[in-house]
Amino acid sequence: MKINAFVAVLATLLAVNTLQAQTTKVSGKISGSTPCEKIVVNSVDGNKLVPLQTVELKNGTYNFEIDNANKHLLLLQFMPSQQSSYAIYEPKATIVVDYNLGQSVLINNVKSSEEMLLYKKFLDMNEPVEALNREYQTANDARRREIQNAFETMVPATFDQIEKLLSNNKNRLFSALLVTFFENQFDTYAPLYRDVRDALIKDYPNDQMVKYIDQKLKSVMLPGTPAPDIEMKSPEGKTLKLSDLHGKVVLLDFWASWCRPCRNENPNVVKLYNKYQSMGFDIFSVSMDRDRNAWTQAIKNDGLVWPNHVSDLQGWTSSGGAAYGITSIPATVLIDREGRIIARNLRGADLENKLKEIFGK
């Protein structure tokens, strides 16, 4: 009798678990100039991708089911090009997402997913700027000047659009990822980070992106706070410490050989180093590279003559980057002679003007 009772209880539990399954059905079309044969669906776990399934395309269409009891961040890789796109799917839903694969991954159409619709709107808003960025890489000097002039009005307008989009959708889980679009302007957009965090943390306390923006808000290094030390190896294998430059005004520069905006900014950094080095200005460059040869060749090619170059060749998991919460580059931190942060993410004319203010010329 007791065994029969146990079997009955077990059967009930299994039935309840079946009812609670939150399977999401996803389908769509793939179009565009970049071929796609299959899609690898990955779960994003910190800095790691965990493959969940591989979906073969049939006549340009795909469909799959995913056990999706809770919303969480996914990354879809379109093979063989390895282009990728983030995804968040509502549980127990039938969702349609059509992708266009070209120079970038865009979304043509979304049905039955407010999360994916938010992502589509974000991509659509940012694509004109990204398209000009791509054109800039191969443009002649005259066209580059035109593009730079266009950026002066286009970029602020795009930032305003995206800020309003996220502010109006702060309760969407995707906003926890998309708000990091403003990572290099955190000081300006900290209120938006806070609004998104406050809207999501009750319902998604264990989501990695919600926890990330919560921690960032708690530990952000605002002007006047001590700059964390960095201790890493130079290309020659010598241990260098940021704190060894105490007594100087230091530009802590996070960059990489593969980062085109970083490389475009390097001539300005070289100019400022040559101008202010004798007055007590120095640069501590932390590379987010993985390839030693590419790193050292970029130092040589760009004429980065200061001696303080370091990297652990761990890319985005760099210990130096982790100390400052770096998730995108270029990123800079200007540090005073006492080792306190003056400002973050100054570049171009803004950096030059701040150094003029500090050194008086």
Protein backbone atom coordinates (compact mmCIF):
# COMPACT_ATOMS: atom_id res chain seq x y z
CA MET A 1 0.00 0.00 0.00
CA LYS A 2 2.83 2.35 0.84
CA ILE A 3 4.59 1.52 -2.45
CA ASN A 4 1.42 2.19 -4.42
CA ALA A 5 1.00 5.48 -2.62
CA PHE A 6 4.59 6.47 -3.48
CA VAL A 7 4.04 5.57 -7.15
CA ALA A 8 0.88 7.66 -7.18
CA VAL A 9 2.69 10.66 -5.71
CA LEU A 10 5.55 10.25 -8.18
CA ALA A 11 3.13 10.10 -11.08
CA THR A 12 1.48 13.29 -9.85
CA LEU A 13 4.84 15.09 -9.61
CA LEU A 14 5.77 14.01 -13.13
CA ALA A 15 2.46 15.26 -14.44
CA VAL A 16 2.94 18.63 -12.72
CA ASN A 17 6.48 18.95 -14.15
CA THR A 18 5.14 18.22 -17.61
CA LEU A 19 2.50 20.90 -17.23
CA GLN A 20 5.14 23.37 -16.07
CA ALA A 21 7.38 22.83 -19.10
CA GLN A 22 7.95 26.15 -20.79
CA THR A 23 8.93 25.04 -24.28
CA THR A 24 9.37 27.90 -26.73
CA LYS A 25 8.99 27.33 -30.46
CA VAL A 26 11.14 29.54 -32.70
CA SER A 27 11.14 29.74 -36.48
CA GLY A 28 11.99 32.16 -39.26
CA LYS A 29 13.63 32.92 -42.59
CA ILE A 30 17.26 33.73 -43.32
CA SER A 31 17.99 36.08 -46.22
CA GLY A 32 20.80 38.37 -47.35
CA SER A 33 24.16 38.21 -49.09
CA THR A 34 25.93 36.02 -46.50
CA PRO A 35 25.25 32.27 -46.87
CA CYS A 36 23.91 30.37 -43.89
CA GLU A 37 23.69 26.58 -43.62
CA LYS A 38 22.94 26.12 -39.94
CA ILE A 39 22.47 28.02 -36.67
CA VAL A 40 24.23 27.14 -33.43
CA VAL A 41 22.10 28.15 -30.43
CA ASN A 42 24.24 28.98 -27.39
CA SER A 43 23.44 29.90 -23.83
CA VAL A 44 25.58 32.81 -22.59
CA ASP A 45 27.25 31.95 -19.28
CA GLY A 46 29.44 34.86 -18.25
CA ASN A 47 32.28 34.96 -20.79
CA LYS A 48 31.49 31.43 -21.99
CA LEU A 49 29.16 30.12 -24.66
CA VAL A 50 27.43 26.82 -23.92
CA PRO A 51 26.14 25.19 -27.16
CA LEU A 52 22.54 23.99 -26.71
CA GLN A 53 21.69 22.73 -30.19
CA THR A 54 22.53 23.03 -33.87
CA VAL A 55 19.69 23.81 -36.26
CA GLU A 56 19.99 22.92 -39.97
CA LEU A 57 18.36 25.29 -42.46
CA LYS A 58 15.89 23.99 -45.04
CA ASN A 59 15.25 26.21 -48.06
CA GLY A 60 16.35 29.27 -46.12
CA THR A 61 14.12 28.61 -43.12
CA TYR A 62 14.80 27.33 -39.63
CA ASN A 63 12.77 26.11 -36.68
CA PHE A 64 13.57 24.66 -33.29
CA GLU A 65 12.20 24.22 -29.80
CA ILE A 66 13.97 25.22 -26.62
CA ASP A 67 13.20 24.46 -22.98
CA ASN A 68 12.83 28.01 -21.77
CA ALA A 69 11.42 27.94 -18.24
CA ASN A 70 13.01 31.33 -17.55
CA LYS A 71 14.06 34.14 -19.85
CA HIS A 72 17.82 34.15 -20.36
CA LEU A 73 20.37 35.46 -22.82
CA LEU A 74 21.20 33.36 -25.87
CA LEU A 75 23.64 33.87 -28.73
CA LEU A 76 22.84 32.55 -32.20
CA GLN A 77 25.81 31.84 -34.47
CA PHE A 78 25.10 31.69 -38.19
CA MET A 79 27.39 29.17 -39.83
CA PRO A 80 29.73 29.05 -41.67
CA SER A 81 30.24 32.85 -41.48
CA GLN A 82 30.13 32.81 -37.63
CA GLN A 83 28.16 36.03 -37.61
CA SER A 84 26.09 36.19 -34.46
CA SER A 85 23.05 37.79 -32.87
CA TYR A 86 21.69 37.83 -29.32
CA ALA A 87 18.26 36.48 -28.48
CA ILE A 88 15.89 36.38 -25.51
CA TYR A 89 12.70 34.37 -25.92
CA GLU A 90 9.55 34.51 -23.83
CA PRO A 91 8.70 31.16 -22.20
CA LYS A 92 5.92 29.01 -23.62
CA ALA A 93 5.57 31.04 -26.82
CA THR A 94 5.57 30.55 -30.58
CA ILE A 95 7.99 33.13 -31.96
CA VAL A 96 9.00 34.15 -35.47
CA VAL A 97 12.26 36.01 -36.15
CA ASP A 98 13.48 36.64 -39.71
CA TYR A 99 17.15 37.59 -40.11
CA ASN A 100 19.06 39.38 -42.85
CA LEU A 101 22.75 38.46 -43.04
CA GLY A 102 24.99 40.93 -44.82
CA GLN A 103 27.81 43.10 -43.57
CA SER A 104 25.94 42.99 -40.26
CA VAL A 105 23.13 40.88 -38.82
CA LEU A 106 19.76 42.64 -38.88
CA ILE A 107 16.25 41.46 -38.07
CA ASN A 108 13.65 41.81 -40.81
CA ASN A 109 10.58 40.73 -38.92
CA VAL A 110 9.46 39.67 -35.42
CA LYS A 111 6.20 38.07 -34.31
CA SER A 112 5.02 37.20 -30.79
CA SER A 113 8.10 38.42 -28.89
CA GLU A 114 8.34 41.80 -27.21
CA GLU A 115 11.94 41.05 -26.23
CA MET A 116 13.06 40.36 -29.80
CA LEU A 117 11.07 43.34 -31.08
CA LEU A 118 13.02 45.57 -28.69
CA TYR A 119 16.29 44.12 -30.02
CA LYS A 120 15.17 44.71 -33.61
CA LYS A 121 14.39 48.36 -32.87
CA PHE A 122 17.80 48.79 -31.24
CA LEU A 123 19.62 47.26 -34.24
CA ASP A 124 17.63 49.39 -36.68
CA MET A 125 18.47 52.59 -34.80
CA ASN A 126 22.18 51.84 -34.62
CA GLU A 127 22.68 50.44 -38.12
CA PRO A 128 23.13 53.81 -39.94
CA VAL A 129 26.06 54.63 -37.65
CA GLU A 130 27.51 51.12 -38.06
CA ALA A 131 27.18 51.39 -41.85
CA LEU A 132 29.18 54.63 -41.85
CA ASN A 133 31.76 53.03 -39.57
CA ARG A 134 32.22 50.21 -42.08
CA GLU A 135 32.48 52.66 -44.98
CA TYR A 136 35.06 54.71 -43.08
CA GLN A 137 37.50 51.78 -43.00
CA THR A 138 37.98 51.79 -46.79
CA ALA A 139 37.10 55.40 -47.67
CA ASN A 140 39.58 57.91 -49.10
CA ASP A 141 40.61 60.94 -47.04
CA ALA A 142 37.97 63.24 -48.52
CA ARG A 143 35.16 60.77 -47.81
CA ARG A 144 36.50 60.15 -44.30
CA ARG A 145 36.22 63.86 -43.55
CA GLU A 146 32.61 63.80 -44.78
CA ILE A 147 31.85 60.80 -42.59
CA GLN A 148 33.43 62.43 -39.54
CA ASN A 149 31.28 65.51 -40.11
CA ALA A 150 28.19 63.30 -40.42
CA PHE A 151 29.07 61.57 -37.15
CA GLU A 152 28.94 64.88 -35.28
CA THR A 153 25.17 65.06 -35.70
CA MET A 154 24.29 61.40 -36.30
CA VAL A 155 25.92 59.88 -33.21
CA PRO A 156 24.29 62.20 -30.60
CA ALA A 157 20.92 61.76 -32.31
CA THR A 158 21.30 57.97 -32.29
CA PHE A 159 22.29 57.98 -28.62
CA ASP A 160 19.18 60.02 -27.80
CA GLN A 161 16.96 57.58 -29.72
CA ILE A 162 18.42 54.53 -28.00
CA GLU A 163 18.24 56.15 -24.57
CA LYS A 164 14.51 56.86 -25.08
CA LEU A 165 13.92 53.32 -26.41
CA LEU A 166 15.48 51.70 -23.35
CA SER A 167 13.85 54.14 -20.95
CA ASN A 168 10.46 53.21 -22.40
CA ASN A 169 11.28 49.49 -22.19
CA LYS A 170 13.26 49.29 -18.95
CA ASN A 171 11.17 46.35 -17.72
CA ARG A 172 12.30 44.21 -20.70
CA LEU A 173 15.14 41.84 -19.85
CA PHE A 174 16.92 42.72 -23.11
CA SER A 175 17.41 46.25 -21.74
CA ALA A 176 19.91 44.86 -19.20
CA LEU A 177 22.17 43.92 -22.10
CA LEU A 178 21.40 46.85 -24.40
CA VAL A 179 22.07 49.51 -21.77
CA THR A 180 25.76 48.48 -21.90
CA PHE A 181 25.79 50.17 -25.32
CA PHE A 182 26.55 53.25 -23.18
CA GLU A 183 29.40 51.59 -21.28
CA ASN A 184 32.00 54.13 -22.41
CA GLN A 185 29.68 56.97 -21.37
CA PHE A 186 28.67 55.44 -18.06
CA ASP A 187 29.02 58.65 -16.07
CA THR A 188 26.47 60.32 -18.36
CA TYR A 189 24.06 57.39 -18.56
CA ALA A 190 24.30 56.11 -14.98
CA PRO A 191 20.66 57.20 -14.32
CA LEU A 192 19.51 54.98 -17.21
CA TYR A 193 21.52 52.05 -15.81
CA ARG A 194 19.84 52.65 -12.46
CA ASP A 195 16.34 52.80 -13.97
CA VAL A 196 16.88 49.53 -15.84
CA ARG A 197 18.36 47.83 -12.77
CA ASP A 198 15.51 48.96 -10.53
CA ALA A 199 12.90 47.78 -13.04
CA LEU A 200 14.40 44.30 -13.43
CA ILE A 201 16.16 43.25 -10.25
CA LYS A 202 13.02 42.06 -8.43
CA ASP A 203 11.89 39.74 -11.23
CA TYR A 204 15.38 38.71 -12.44
CA PRO A 205 17.66 38.80 -9.37
CA ASN A 206 19.92 36.01 -10.69
CA ASP A 207 20.21 37.13 -14.31
CA GLN A 208 23.88 37.72 -15.11
CA MET A 209 23.35 41.01 -16.95
CA VAL A 210 21.05 42.39 -14.25
CA LYS A 211 23.63 41.43 -11.64
CA TYR A 212 26.34 43.04 -13.77
CA ILE A 213 24.65 46.44 -13.97
CA ASP A 214 23.72 46.23 -10.28
CA GLN A 215 27.35 45.58 -9.35
CA LYS A 216 28.57 48.30 -11.69
CA LEU A 217 26.28 50.84 -10.06
CA LYS A 218 27.57 49.79 -6.63
CA SER A 219 31.25 49.81 -7.50
CA VAL A 220 31.60 52.43 -10.24
CA MET A 221 34.80 54.40 -10.05
CA LEU A 222 33.63 57.97 -10.26
CA PRO A 223 35.97 60.97 -10.37
CA GLY A 224 37.87 61.40 -7.11
CA THR A 225 37.98 57.71 -6.19
CA PRO A 226 41.33 55.85 -6.01
CA ALA A 227 42.35 54.09 -9.21
CA PRO A 228 42.75 50.31 -8.73
CA ASP A 229 46.28 49.07 -9.37
CA ILE A 230 47.17 46.94 -12.39
CA GLU A 231 50.15 44.59 -12.46
CA MET A 232 50.84 42.85 -15.78
CA LYS A 233 53.62 41.84 -18.15
CA SER A 234 55.22 43.94 -20.90
CA PRO A 235 55.98 42.45 -24.33
CA GLU A 236 59.46 41.69 -23.02
CA GLY A 237 58.04 39.82 -20.01
CA LYS A 238 58.83 42.54 -17.46
CA THR A 239 56.27 43.11 -14.68
CA LEU A 240 54.88 46.65 -14.80
CA LYS A 241 52.55 48.25 -12.27
CA LEU A 242 50.25 51.20 -12.80
CA SER A 243 51.12 52.39 -9.28
CA ASP A 244 54.77 52.78 -10.33
CA LEU A 245 53.64 55.93 -12.16
CA HIS A 246 52.39 57.56 -8.95
CA GLY A 247 53.31 61.24 -9.02
CA LYS A 248 52.46 61.62 -12.70
CA VAL A 249 49.24 62.38 -14.54
CA VAL A 250 48.49 59.05 -16.24
CA LEU A 251 46.25 58.10 -19.11
CA LEU A 252 45.22 54.47 -18.59
CA ASP A 253 44.36 53.33 -22.10
CA PHE A 254 42.51 50.06 -22.86
CA TRP A 255 42.90 49.14 -26.53
CA ALA A 256 43.68 46.29 -28.96
CA SER A 257 45.38 45.85 -32.32
CA TRP A 258 42.07 44.75 -33.88
CA CYS A 259 40.09 47.75 -32.54
CA ARG A 260 39.83 50.23 -35.43
CA PRO A 261 38.51 53.16 -33.32
CA CYS A 262 41.44 52.60 -30.93
CA ARG A 263 43.93 52.66 -33.79
CA ASN A 264 42.30 55.77 -35.26
CA GLU A 265 42.72 57.54 -31.91
CA ASN A 266 46.39 56.54 -31.49
CA PRO A 267 47.89 59.45 -33.49
CA ASN A 268 46.14 61.90 -31.15
CA VAL A 269 47.42 60.02 -28.08
CA VAL A 270 50.98 60.06 -29.49
CA LYS A 271 50.71 63.80 -30.12
CA LEU A 272 49.57 64.48 -26.56
CA TYR A 273 52.27 62.23 -25.09
CA ASN A 274 54.97 64.10 -27.01
CA LYS A 275 53.54 67.45 -25.91
CA TYR A 276 53.07 66.75 -22.19
CA GLN A 277 55.50 63.95 -21.35
CA SER A 278 58.16 66.37 -20.11
CA MET A 279 55.59 68.02 -17.80
CA GLY A 280 54.75 64.80 -15.94
CA PHE A 281 52.27 63.08 -18.26
CA ASP A 282 52.53 59.35 -18.96
CA ILE A 283 50.49 56.58 -20.56
CA PHE A 284 49.83 53.05 -19.31
CA SER A 285 48.45 50.97 -22.20
CA VAL A 286 46.56 47.75 -21.49
CA SER A 287 46.00 45.61 -24.58
CA MET A 288 42.93 43.35 -24.85
CA ASP A 289 44.70 41.30 -27.53
CA ARG A 290 45.19 37.54 -27.63
CA ASP A 291 47.83 37.54 -30.38
CA ARG A 292 51.24 38.70 -29.14
CA ASN A 293 52.59 39.42 -32.64
CA ALA A 294 49.56 41.51 -33.60
CA TRP A 295 49.88 43.47 -30.33
CA THR A 296 53.59 44.23 -30.65
CA GLN A 297 53.32 45.02 -34.36
CA ALA A 298 50.52 47.53 -33.69
CA ILE A 299 52.70 49.23 -31.05
CA LYS A 300 55.47 49.57 -33.62
CA ASN A 301 53.26 50.58 -36.54
CA ASP A 302 51.39 53.27 -34.57
CA GLY A 303 54.54 54.71 -32.99
CA LEU A 304 53.41 54.16 -29.40
CA VAL A 305 56.78 55.13 -27.97
CA TRP A 306 55.98 55.15 -24.24
CA PRO A 307 57.38 52.14 -22.34
CA ASN A 308 54.31 51.15 -20.35
CA HIS A 309 52.62 48.52 -22.53
CA VAL A 310 51.09 45.48 -20.81
CA SER A 311 48.82 42.54 -21.58
CA ASP A 312 48.08 39.04 -20.32
CA LEU A 313 46.84 38.13 -23.83
CA GLN A 314 43.49 36.99 -22.45
CA GLY A 315 41.27 39.23 -24.58
CA TRP A 316 38.03 40.22 -22.85
CA THR A 317 38.98 38.20 -19.75
CA SER A 318 42.06 40.39 -19.21
CA SER A 319 42.75 40.93 -15.50
CA GLY A 320 43.50 44.60 -16.20
CA GLY A 321 40.20 45.08 -17.97
CA ALA A 322 38.35 43.26 -15.17
CA ALA A 323 39.79 45.63 -12.57
CA TYR A 324 38.03 48.52 -14.33
CA GLY A 325 34.93 46.71 -15.57
CA ILE A 326 35.93 47.11 -19.23
CA THR A 327 33.45 45.50 -21.63
CA SER A 328 34.11 47.63 -24.71
CA ILE A 329 37.02 49.55 -26.18
CA PRO A 330 38.40 52.11 -26.71
CA ALA A 331 38.22 53.01 -23.02
CA THR A 332 40.40 55.40 -21.03
CA VAL A 333 40.83 56.52 -17.43
CA LEU A 334 42.70 59.74 -16.63
CA ILE A 335 44.44 59.53 -13.23
CA ASP A 336 45.94 62.39 -11.19
CA ARG A 337 49.33 62.55 -9.48
CA GLU A 338 47.88 61.12 -6.25
CA GLY A 339 46.40 58.12 -8.02
CA ARG A 340 42.80 59.33 -8.06
CA ILE A 341 40.51 59.15 -11.06
CA ILE A 342 40.00 62.47 -12.85
CA ALA A 343 37.70 61.31 -15.64
CA ARG A 344 36.81 58.30 -17.75
CA ASN A 345 36.67 57.82 -21.51
CA LEU A 346 38.17 61.12 -22.62
CA ARG A 347 39.34 61.02 -26.23
CA GLY A 348 40.14 63.41 -29.04
CA ALA A 349 39.46 67.07 -28.29
CA ASP A 350 37.99 66.26 -24.85
CA LEU A 351 41.25 64.64 -23.73
CA GLU A 352 43.34 67.44 -25.20
CA ASN A 353 41.26 70.11 -23.47
CA LYS A 354 41.50 68.34 -20.10
CA LEU A 355 45.30 68.08 -20.38
CA LYS A 356 45.49 71.78 -21.29
CA GLU A 357 43.48 72.52 -18.16
CA ILE A 358 45.80 70.37 -16.01
CA PHE A 359 49.14 71.53 -17.43
CA GLY A 360 48.13 75.10 -18.23
CA LYS A 361 49.04 75.07 -21.91
